[in-house]
Amino acid sequence: MKAVILCAGKGTRLYPVTLTMPKPLVPVANKALLKYAIELLADMGATEIGLVVDSLDSPIRERLGDGLDSVGIPLTYIAQEDPQGLAHAVKLCEPFVGDEPFVVYLGDNIFQDRMHGLYQRFEETGASAAIALTEVSNPSGFGIAELDGSNRIKRLVEKPKDPPSNLAIAGVYSFQPDIFEAINHIKPSWRNELEITDAIQYLLEQGKTVMPYIVDGWWIDAGKPNSIVLANQLVLEQLPYSPPHEGDARIQGDSHVSHRVVLGKDTQIIDSVIRGPVIIGDNVTIRNSYVGPYTSIGNNVLIENSEIEHSIVMCCCVIQNIEGRIDASLIADNAHVSRSATRPVTHRLVLAENSLVQLG
């Protein structure tokens, strides 16, 4: 089975983090979003994966190369240098896919469900397409699927004022090659983009079968900072039980480290309290500080005289002498957060576009 992951978007909703880092590389529980997608597709049975990126010089290609050693599936890169919508991205994959059925995964999604049933049901029914759907409380904010009496998709409606169901399109699809013909017959939407929902609707209008797959468990469209932080929490909640690190040489002085805490190599916890679930990378020093639940800390980080919880701290950051607790935050690579040690005590900020700062 071949699969493609669409990851060419600019990630504007995650600015300023994505000004220097493609959104699929943003870490959740110290692992890039894109790696979750690759692992899920491997579980579904993918043997080849194509990555649609904005350029063949993308940092994604630099980071992942020809594939993940942990998965063993080769990666092919497909450039979408002039983005014209999701259907346009899928159309670019036709040479890679050929005449085989395939799976499409939107690269900024993360699921609890391993999706085994989606492709299996797609094969068993001989449908032209299958779509992952999830129940939502605010269906007017999503593309919504309406089912018929045979539990097949009857139509798709984009952000309806009067929703026919609460089943939102969740960003994973299985397609037969006839999706390419459908894309050839659609026109750009009001956004001047070729919409994949329009292509699927064309299949329905041609009498083709489109099957639903109802996602089991949580689904996060990790396009905004709050969503990334929530995804981090949900993934950390699934950490298996591990006992406290009693007698661990990495834990020094008057420190207390609870269960469900993952510590990386050459990390030091000095006179600090760590309450899981927490994951801490390699070569991290935490001194005279508190790290609370649902926090991920990347490699080469220094935290001193500070408190933080329910947050993501990426690689090579420094957090020092912060009064009050940092909460629900997303701190990107190489950020330096500190309190002035000299008078006058002021707030000095160097911020990129769309930054958010809340001072207590």
Foldseek 3Di string as FASTA:
>chain_A
DEEEEEQADQLPQAPPQSVPPRQQQADFLQGGLQVLVVVLVLVLPHQEYEYEHQDPPDVVCVVAPQHDPVRPHGYHYFHDVPAFEDLVSVLSCCVVQPQAKYKYAYSQKHAPFSCNVQVVVCVVVVFQKEFEWEFDPQQLQAWAFDADPVQFTQAIDGSDPDDNHRIHGQGMMIHGVCLNVLQVPDAQDPVSHRYSRSSVRSCNVVVTTYHYDYGDHDMASNSHLLRSLVSSQVVLVPQDWDAWPPPDPQEDDCEAEGICEAEEACHHEECEYEEEVEYEYYNEYEYVEYEYYSEYHEYQEYEECAAEYSEYHYENEYHYNDPDYHYSYYHHYNHYHYWDPDPPGDDDDDGDPPDDDDDD
